[in-house]
Structure formats: C-alpha cells, structure tokens
Amino acid sequence: MKIKILCFLLSFISIIAYSQNRKITVNVSGFKSDKGKCLLYLYNNKKGFPTDADKAIHTSIGKILNGKSCIILNNIADGDYAISVIHDENDNGKLDKNFIGMPKEGVGVSNNAKGSFGPPSFKDSKFQLNKELLISNITIKYL
C-alpha cells in the first residue's frame, strides 16, 4: 500500500512540475533605434492589459540590437496569456505618453492585435500556452 501511495505522489508531483515547465520565446522587431530597452509584460487576464504594469504577472527587460530584441520567459504555467511590450527609449522604466495619453514610445502586443480608438483588447491579444515551447513574434509600432 505504501508503494502505491508513493508512486501516486511521485506521478502527481511530476505532472505538476511538467505543467509548470513551459517556455515562451518573444521575438520583438521594428525598433526604430537601439537606444533604451525593451520592456515586456505578461498578463493572464484583461485587468490592466496592456498599460498597467502593476497588474502584469511577469515582467522582463530585453536589450535591443539591430532593431530587434529576444526575451525568453521560463517556467510559465499552462493557460491563456497576452503580452505587452514597450520601447523604453529614454530608459526611465515606463511608457511615456503625450498630453492626451497617446504613447510617445513604441508599443506592441501579442498577435500584433490592433485597437480601435484605444489599445488592443486582451481578447484579441491572448494566446494559449499548452506546449513546452511557444514563440511569439511582436512588431513594435510608433503612433
């Protein structure tokens, strides 16, 4: 009986460990310069997406080289997600906006979703992570 319980527990632990061992590779292109950094925010629901970094479940910073950045997110659980990226040209750690709230720096989201009269929605930007490796290609846009 103890062996059966031990086998069950080991199987359960391996299933949990496997489901947490996902990787997302995010290729960001279209930067108009290599100045500053690429800020990446991962969201698992619509709250705060795409502009409230405090609501992101994961943040990462990438270097920009030759107008591109590659950021790898490790140990992400299965689920629905959306990504927001910013070209933080002046390296101040946030998205700069003009007096009416429009981005002054480059922005992008997963699926290269477009917004109408505002930022893209979580629904249009979301993707499902359910395999070991997912590659997302995002193009930065300047408004």
N, C-alpha and C. Protein backbone atom coordinates (compact mmCIF):
# COMPACT_ATOMS: atom_id res chain seq x y z
N MET A 1 0.82 -1.20 0.00
CA MET A 1 0.00 0.00 0.00
C MET A 1 0.86 1.26 0.00
N LYS A 2 1.94 1.25 0.79
CA LYS A 2 2.82 2.41 0.85
C LYS A 2 3.47 2.68 -0.50
N ILE A 3 3.79 1.62 -1.22
CA ILE A 3 4.41 1.78 -2.54
C ILE A 3 3.43 2.42 -3.52
N LYS A 4 2.17 2.03 -3.46
CA LYS A 4 1.16 2.61 -4.35
C LYS A 4 0.98 4.11 -4.06
N ILE A 5 0.94 4.45 -2.79
CA ILE A 5 0.80 5.86 -2.42
C ILE A 5 2.01 6.64 -2.88
N LEU A 6 3.19 6.09 -2.66
CA LEU A 6 4.43 6.75 -3.09
C LEU A 6 4.45 6.94 -4.60
N CYS A 7 4.07 5.93 -5.35
CA CYS A 7 4.02 6.04 -6.82
C CYS A 7 3.02 7.11 -7.25
N PHE A 8 1.86 7.13 -6.59
CA PHE A 8 0.86 8.15 -6.92
C PHE A 8 1.41 9.55 -6.66
N LEU A 9 2.03 9.75 -5.51
CA LEU A 9 2.58 11.06 -5.16
C LEU A 9 3.68 11.49 -6.13
N LEU A 10 4.54 10.58 -6.50
CA LEU A 10 5.60 10.90 -7.45
C LEU A 10 5.03 11.24 -8.82
N SER A 11 4.01 10.53 -9.24
CA SER A 11 3.36 10.84 -10.52
C SER A 11 2.70 12.20 -10.48
N PHE A 12 2.03 12.48 -9.38
CA PHE A 12 1.36 13.77 -9.23
C PHE A 12 2.36 14.92 -9.23
N ILE A 13 3.46 14.75 -8.54
CA ILE A 13 4.50 15.78 -8.50
C ILE A 13 5.10 15.99 -9.88
N SER A 14 5.34 14.92 -10.61
CA SER A 14 5.93 15.07 -11.95
C SER A 14 4.96 15.76 -12.91
N ILE A 15 3.66 15.50 -12.75
CA ILE A 15 2.66 16.18 -13.60
C ILE A 15 2.66 17.67 -13.30
N ILE A 16 2.69 18.03 -12.03
CA ILE A 16 2.72 19.45 -11.64
C ILE A 16 4.00 20.10 -12.15
N ALA A 17 5.13 19.46 -11.97
CA ALA A 17 6.40 20.02 -12.44
C ALA A 17 6.40 20.18 -13.95
N TYR A 18 5.85 19.22 -14.68
CA TYR A 18 5.82 19.30 -16.12
C TYR A 18 4.95 20.46 -16.60
N SER A 19 3.80 20.64 -15.96
CA SER A 19 2.90 21.69 -16.42
C SER A 19 3.46 23.09 -16.13
N GLN A 20 4.39 23.21 -15.21
CA GLN A 20 4.99 24.49 -14.88
C GLN A 20 6.23 24.79 -15.71
N ASN A 21 6.67 23.84 -16.49
CA ASN A 21 7.94 23.98 -17.19
C ASN A 21 7.75 24.39 -18.64
N ARG A 22 6.97 25.43 -18.87
CA ARG A 22 6.75 25.93 -20.22
C ARG A 22 7.65 27.13 -20.48
N LYS A 23 7.90 27.37 -21.74
CA LYS A 23 8.77 28.47 -22.13
C LYS A 23 8.11 29.26 -23.24
N ILE A 24 8.21 30.59 -23.14
CA ILE A 24 7.72 31.48 -24.19
C ILE A 24 8.91 32.27 -24.70
N THR A 25 9.19 32.17 -25.99
CA THR A 25 10.23 32.99 -26.61
C THR A 25 9.52 34.12 -27.35
N VAL A 26 9.87 35.34 -26.99
CA VAL A 26 9.23 36.51 -27.58
C VAL A 26 10.26 37.24 -28.44
N ASN A 27 10.00 37.27 -29.74
CA ASN A 27 10.84 37.99 -30.69
C ASN A 27 10.16 39.31 -31.03
N VAL A 28 10.83 40.41 -30.67
CA VAL A 28 10.26 41.73 -30.90
C VAL A 28 11.10 42.42 -31.98
N SER A 29 10.45 42.96 -32.99
CA SER A 29 11.15 43.64 -34.09
C SER A 29 10.49 44.99 -34.36
N GLY A 30 11.14 45.78 -35.21
CA GLY A 30 10.58 47.06 -35.62
C GLY A 30 11.04 48.25 -34.79
N PHE A 31 12.02 48.05 -33.91
CA PHE A 31 12.52 49.18 -33.13
C PHE A 31 13.19 50.18 -34.06
N LYS A 32 12.91 51.45 -33.88
CA LYS A 32 13.49 52.47 -34.75
C LYS A 32 14.92 52.83 -34.34
N SER A 33 15.34 52.41 -33.15
CA SER A 33 16.72 52.61 -32.71
C SER A 33 17.05 51.55 -31.66
N ASP A 34 18.32 51.43 -31.35
CA ASP A 34 18.77 50.51 -30.31
C ASP A 34 18.89 51.19 -28.95
N LYS A 35 18.49 52.45 -28.88
CA LYS A 35 18.55 53.19 -27.63
C LYS A 35 17.53 52.64 -26.64
N GLY A 36 17.87 52.63 -25.36
CA GLY A 36 16.95 52.20 -24.32
C GLY A 36 16.84 50.69 -24.23
N LYS A 37 15.67 50.24 -23.76
CA LYS A 37 15.42 48.81 -23.54
C LYS A 37 14.03 48.43 -24.02
N CYS A 38 13.83 47.13 -24.11
CA CYS A 38 12.51 46.57 -24.40
C CYS A 38 11.92 46.10 -23.08
N LEU A 39 10.78 46.65 -22.71
CA LEU A 39 10.07 46.22 -21.51
C LEU A 39 8.95 45.28 -21.91
N LEU A 40 8.86 44.13 -21.26
CA LEU A 40 7.86 43.12 -21.59
C LEU A 40 7.01 42.85 -20.36
N TYR A 41 5.69 42.77 -20.58
CA TYR A 41 4.74 42.49 -19.50
C TYR A 41 3.85 41.33 -19.94
N LEU A 42 3.72 40.32 -19.06
CA LEU A 42 2.88 39.16 -19.32
C LEU A 42 1.65 39.24 -18.42
N TYR A 43 0.47 39.12 -19.03
CA TYR A 43 -0.80 39.20 -18.31
C TYR A 43 -1.56 37.88 -18.48
N ASN A 44 -2.31 37.51 -17.43
CA ASN A 44 -3.15 36.31 -17.55
C ASN A 44 -4.64 36.63 -17.49
N ASN A 45 -4.98 37.92 -17.52
CA ASN A 45 -6.38 38.34 -17.65
C ASN A 45 -6.42 39.78 -18.14
N LYS A 46 -7.61 40.29 -18.38
CA LYS A 46 -7.75 41.61 -19.00
C LYS A 46 -7.49 42.76 -18.04
N LYS A 47 -7.45 42.50 -16.75
CA LYS A 47 -7.25 43.58 -15.78
C LYS A 47 -5.86 44.21 -15.97
N GLY A 48 -5.86 45.47 -16.38
CA GLY A 48 -4.62 46.20 -16.55
C GLY A 48 -3.97 46.08 -17.91
N PHE A 49 -4.40 45.12 -18.71
CA PHE A 49 -3.77 44.93 -20.03
C PHE A 49 -4.18 46.06 -20.96
N PRO A 50 -3.31 46.62 -21.75
CA PRO A 50 -1.87 46.38 -21.85
C PRO A 50 -1.00 47.44 -21.17
N THR A 51 -1.61 48.36 -20.43
CA THR A 51 -0.85 49.52 -19.98
C THR A 51 -0.48 49.55 -18.50
N ASP A 52 -1.13 48.76 -17.65
CA ASP A 52 -0.85 48.80 -16.22
C ASP A 52 0.14 47.71 -15.85
N ALA A 53 1.41 48.08 -15.78
CA ALA A 53 2.48 47.11 -15.50
C ALA A 53 2.31 46.46 -14.13
N ASP A 54 1.66 47.14 -13.19
CA ASP A 54 1.47 46.57 -11.86
C ASP A 54 0.54 45.36 -11.86
N LYS A 55 -0.29 45.24 -12.89
CA LYS A 55 -1.23 44.11 -12.99
C LYS A 55 -0.61 42.92 -13.75
N ALA A 56 0.56 43.10 -14.33
CA ALA A 56 1.23 42.01 -15.05
C ALA A 56 1.69 40.95 -14.06
N ILE A 57 1.63 39.69 -14.47
CA ILE A 57 2.08 38.61 -13.59
C ILE A 57 3.58 38.35 -13.74
N HIS A 58 4.16 38.88 -14.81
CA HIS A 58 5.60 38.71 -15.03
C HIS A 58 6.09 39.90 -15.85
N THR A 59 7.25 40.41 -15.48
CA THR A 59 7.88 41.47 -16.26
C THR A 59 9.29 41.06 -16.60
N SER A 60 9.78 41.57 -17.70
CA SER A 60 11.14 41.26 -18.13
C SER A 60 11.67 42.43 -18.94
N ILE A 61 12.99 42.54 -18.99
CA ILE A 61 13.66 43.60 -19.73
C ILE A 61 14.61 42.96 -20.72
N GLY A 62 14.59 43.44 -21.97
CA GLY A 62 15.47 42.91 -23.00
C GLY A 62 16.32 44.00 -23.63
N LYS A 63 17.50 43.60 -24.07
CA LYS A 63 18.36 44.50 -24.83
C LYS A 63 17.86 44.58 -26.26
N ILE A 64 18.14 45.72 -26.89
CA ILE A 64 17.78 45.91 -28.29
C ILE A 64 19.06 45.93 -29.10
N LEU A 65 19.11 45.12 -30.14
CA LEU A 65 20.28 45.05 -31.00
C LEU A 65 19.83 44.95 -32.45
N ASN A 66 20.28 45.88 -33.26
CA ASN A 66 19.90 45.92 -34.68
C ASN A 66 18.39 45.94 -34.88
N GLY A 67 17.70 46.71 -34.03
CA GLY A 67 16.26 46.88 -34.17
C GLY A 67 15.43 45.70 -33.70
N LYS A 68 16.04 44.75 -32.96
CA LYS A 68 15.33 43.56 -32.50
C LYS A 68 15.67 43.26 -31.05
N SER A 69 14.78 42.52 -30.41
CA SER A 69 15.01 42.05 -29.04
C SER A 69 14.40 40.66 -28.91
N CYS A 70 15.06 39.80 -28.16
CA CYS A 70 14.54 38.45 -27.91
C CYS A 70 14.53 38.24 -26.40
N ILE A 71 13.36 37.92 -25.87
CA ILE A 71 13.20 37.71 -24.44
C ILE A 71 12.58 36.33 -24.24
N ILE A 72 13.17 35.55 -23.34
CA ILE A 72 12.68 34.20 -23.06
C ILE A 72 12.09 34.17 -21.65
N LEU A 73 10.85 33.73 -21.57
CA LEU A 73 10.16 33.57 -20.29
C LEU A 73 10.14 32.09 -19.95
N ASN A 74 10.69 31.72 -18.80
CA ASN A 74 10.77 30.32 -18.39
C ASN A 74 9.79 30.01 -17.27
N ASN A 75 9.46 28.73 -17.16
CA ASN A 75 8.63 28.21 -16.06
C ASN A 75 7.27 28.90 -15.97
N ILE A 76 6.60 28.99 -17.10
CA ILE A 76 5.27 29.59 -17.16
C ILE A 76 4.25 28.46 -17.21
N ALA A 77 3.21 28.55 -16.38
CA ALA A 77 2.17 27.52 -16.32
C ALA A 77 1.28 27.58 -17.56
N ASP A 78 0.63 26.47 -17.86
CA ASP A 78 -0.35 26.44 -18.95
C ASP A 78 -1.44 27.47 -18.67
N GLY A 79 -1.98 28.05 -19.73
CA GLY A 79 -3.07 29.00 -19.56
C GLY A 79 -3.16 29.98 -20.70
N ASP A 80 -4.06 30.93 -20.55
CA ASP A 80 -4.25 31.99 -21.53
C ASP A 80 -3.49 33.23 -21.07
N TYR A 81 -2.75 33.83 -22.00
CA TYR A 81 -1.90 34.97 -21.69
C TYR A 81 -1.97 35.99 -22.82
N ALA A 82 -1.51 37.20 -22.51
CA ALA A 82 -1.28 38.23 -23.51
C ALA A 82 -0.01 38.97 -23.10
N ILE A 83 0.71 39.46 -24.09
CA ILE A 83 1.98 40.15 -23.85
C ILE A 83 1.88 41.57 -24.37
N SER A 84 2.45 42.48 -23.59
CA SER A 84 2.59 43.87 -23.98
C SER A 84 4.07 44.22 -23.94
N VAL A 85 4.56 44.92 -24.97
CA VAL A 85 5.96 45.35 -24.99
C VAL A 85 6.04 46.85 -25.25
N ILE A 86 7.09 47.45 -24.71
CA ILE A 86 7.32 48.89 -24.84
C ILE A 86 8.77 49.12 -25.23
N HIS A 87 9.00 50.05 -26.14
CA HIS A 87 10.36 50.51 -26.42
C HIS A 87 10.62 51.69 -25.48
N ASP A 88 11.28 51.40 -24.38
CA ASP A 88 11.61 52.42 -23.39
C ASP A 88 12.88 53.13 -23.85
N GLU A 89 12.71 54.03 -24.82
CA GLU A 89 13.85 54.70 -25.45
C GLU A 89 14.70 55.52 -24.48
N ASN A 90 14.04 56.20 -23.56
CA ASN A 90 14.80 57.05 -22.64
C ASN A 90 15.19 56.31 -21.36
N ASP A 91 14.91 55.01 -21.29
CA ASP A 91 15.37 54.15 -20.20
C ASP A 91 14.89 54.62 -18.83
N ASN A 92 13.63 55.10 -18.76
CA ASN A 92 13.11 55.54 -17.48
C ASN A 92 12.18 54.51 -16.83
N GLY A 93 12.06 53.32 -17.45
CA GLY A 93 11.31 52.23 -16.86
C GLY A 93 9.80 52.30 -17.01
N LYS A 94 9.32 53.16 -17.91
CA LYS A 94 7.88 53.28 -18.10
C LYS A 94 7.57 53.77 -19.51
N LEU A 95 6.31 53.67 -19.88
CA LEU A 95 5.84 54.18 -21.17
C LEU A 95 5.54 55.66 -21.03
N ASP A 96 6.20 56.48 -21.84
CA ASP A 96 5.93 57.91 -21.84
C ASP A 96 4.76 58.19 -22.78
N LYS A 97 3.87 59.09 -22.33
CA LYS A 97 2.67 59.43 -23.10
C LYS A 97 2.61 60.93 -23.30
N ASN A 98 1.88 61.35 -24.34
CA ASN A 98 1.70 62.78 -24.56
C ASN A 98 0.54 63.30 -23.70
N PHE A 99 0.18 64.54 -23.88
CA PHE A 99 -0.83 65.17 -23.02
C PHE A 99 -2.23 64.58 -23.14
N ILE A 100 -2.50 63.85 -24.24
CA ILE A 100 -3.82 63.20 -24.36
C ILE A 100 -3.76 61.69 -24.10
N GLY A 101 -2.61 61.22 -23.64
CA GLY A 101 -2.47 59.82 -23.26
C GLY A 101 -1.98 58.88 -24.34
N MET A 102 -1.60 59.42 -25.49
CA MET A 102 -1.07 58.59 -26.58
C MET A 102 0.39 58.26 -26.31
N PRO A 103 0.82 57.03 -26.61
CA PRO A 103 2.22 56.66 -26.38
C PRO A 103 3.20 57.50 -27.21
N LYS A 104 4.24 57.97 -26.55
CA LYS A 104 5.31 58.69 -27.24
C LYS A 104 6.45 57.73 -27.62
N GLU A 105 6.39 56.52 -27.10
CA GLU A 105 7.40 55.50 -27.39
C GLU A 105 6.71 54.33 -28.10
N GLY A 106 7.49 53.45 -28.68
CA GLY A 106 6.94 52.32 -29.41
C GLY A 106 6.26 51.31 -28.50
N VAL A 107 5.18 50.72 -29.01
CA VAL A 107 4.41 49.72 -28.26
C VAL A 107 4.03 48.56 -29.16
N GLY A 108 3.74 47.43 -28.54
CA GLY A 108 3.28 46.26 -29.28
C GLY A 108 2.62 45.27 -28.34
N VAL A 109 1.82 44.38 -28.92
CA VAL A 109 1.15 43.34 -28.13
C VAL A 109 1.21 42.02 -28.90
N SER A 110 0.96 40.93 -28.17
CA SER A 110 0.92 39.62 -28.80
C SER A 110 -0.16 39.57 -29.87
N ASN A 111 0.06 38.72 -30.84
CA ASN A 111 -0.80 38.58 -32.03
C ASN A 111 -0.78 39.84 -32.89
N ASN A 112 0.06 40.82 -32.54
CA ASN A 112 0.10 42.11 -33.24
C ASN A 112 -1.32 42.67 -33.38
N ALA A 113 -2.11 42.45 -32.32
CA ALA A 113 -3.50 42.93 -32.33
C ALA A 113 -3.53 44.45 -32.41
N LYS A 114 -4.57 44.94 -33.04
CA LYS A 114 -4.74 46.38 -33.19
C LYS A 114 -5.96 46.82 -32.40
N GLY A 115 -5.87 47.99 -31.82
CA GLY A 115 -7.01 48.55 -31.11
C GLY A 115 -7.74 49.54 -32.01
N SER A 116 -8.99 49.77 -31.70
CA SER A 116 -9.73 50.81 -32.42
C SER A 116 -10.15 51.85 -31.39
N PHE A 117 -9.66 53.06 -31.56
CA PHE A 117 -9.92 54.15 -30.62
C PHE A 117 -9.42 53.80 -29.22
N GLY A 118 -8.26 53.19 -29.14
CA GLY A 118 -7.67 52.82 -27.85
C GLY A 118 -6.75 51.63 -28.02
N PRO A 119 -6.22 51.13 -26.91
CA PRO A 119 -5.30 50.00 -27.01
C PRO A 119 -6.01 48.70 -27.39
N PRO A 120 -5.26 47.73 -27.90
CA PRO A 120 -5.85 46.43 -28.24
C PRO A 120 -6.43 45.75 -27.00
N SER A 121 -7.40 44.89 -27.19
CA SER A 121 -8.03 44.18 -26.08
C SER A 121 -7.24 42.93 -25.72
N PHE A 122 -7.44 42.47 -24.50
CA PHE A 122 -6.85 41.21 -24.05
C PHE A 122 -7.36 40.07 -24.93
N LYS A 123 -8.64 40.10 -25.23
CA LYS A 123 -9.26 39.05 -26.04
C LYS A 123 -8.56 38.91 -27.40
N ASP A 124 -8.26 40.03 -28.06
CA ASP A 124 -7.61 39.97 -29.37
C ASP A 124 -6.13 39.64 -29.28
N SER A 125 -5.54 39.87 -28.13
CA SER A 125 -4.10 39.68 -27.95
C SER A 125 -3.74 38.35 -27.31
N LYS A 126 -4.72 37.66 -26.74
CA LYS A 126 -4.40 36.47 -25.96
C LYS A 126 -4.02 35.27 -26.83
N PHE A 127 -3.25 34.41 -26.20
CA PHE A 127 -2.83 33.15 -26.81
C PHE A 127 -2.87 32.09 -25.73
N GLN A 128 -2.91 30.83 -26.15
CA GLN A 128 -2.95 29.74 -25.18
C GLN A 128 -1.60 29.06 -25.12
N LEU A 129 -1.08 28.94 -23.92
CA LEU A 129 0.17 28.22 -23.70
C LEU A 129 -0.19 26.82 -23.21
N ASN A 130 0.12 25.81 -24.01
CA ASN A 130 -0.19 24.43 -23.63
C ASN A 130 0.81 23.46 -24.24
N LYS A 131 1.95 23.97 -24.62
CA LYS A 131 3.02 23.11 -25.11
C LYS A 131 4.33 23.61 -24.54
N GLU A 132 5.35 22.81 -24.65
CA GLU A 132 6.61 23.10 -23.98
C GLU A 132 7.24 24.42 -24.42
N LEU A 133 7.14 24.76 -25.71
CA LEU A 133 7.73 25.99 -26.21
C LEU A 133 6.74 26.72 -27.11
N LEU A 134 6.58 27.99 -26.85
CA LEU A 134 5.73 28.82 -27.70
C LEU A 134 6.56 30.01 -28.15
N ILE A 135 6.46 30.36 -29.42
CA ILE A 135 7.19 31.51 -29.96
C ILE A 135 6.19 32.57 -30.36
N SER A 136 6.40 33.77 -29.84
CA SER A 136 5.53 34.90 -30.16
C SER A 136 6.35 35.96 -30.86
N ASN A 137 5.88 36.41 -32.01
CA ASN A 137 6.55 37.47 -32.77
C ASN A 137 5.71 38.73 -32.68
N ILE A 138 6.33 39.80 -32.19
CA ILE A 138 5.63 41.07 -31.99
C ILE A 138 6.39 42.16 -32.72
N THR A 139 5.66 43.01 -33.42
CA THR A 139 6.26 44.16 -34.11
C THR A 139 5.89 45.43 -33.36
N ILE A 140 6.91 46.20 -33.00
CA ILE A 140 6.72 47.48 -32.31
C ILE A 140 6.12 48.48 -33.29
N LYS A 141 5.16 49.26 -32.81
CA LYS A 141 4.53 50.32 -33.61
C LYS A 141 4.75 51.65 -32.90
N TYR A 142 4.95 52.67 -33.68
CA TYR A 142 5.10 54.03 -33.16
C TYR A 142 3.91 54.84 -33.64
N LEU A 143 3.19 55.47 -32.72
CA LEU A 143 1.98 56.20 -33.07
C LEU A 143 2.28 57.66 -33.33
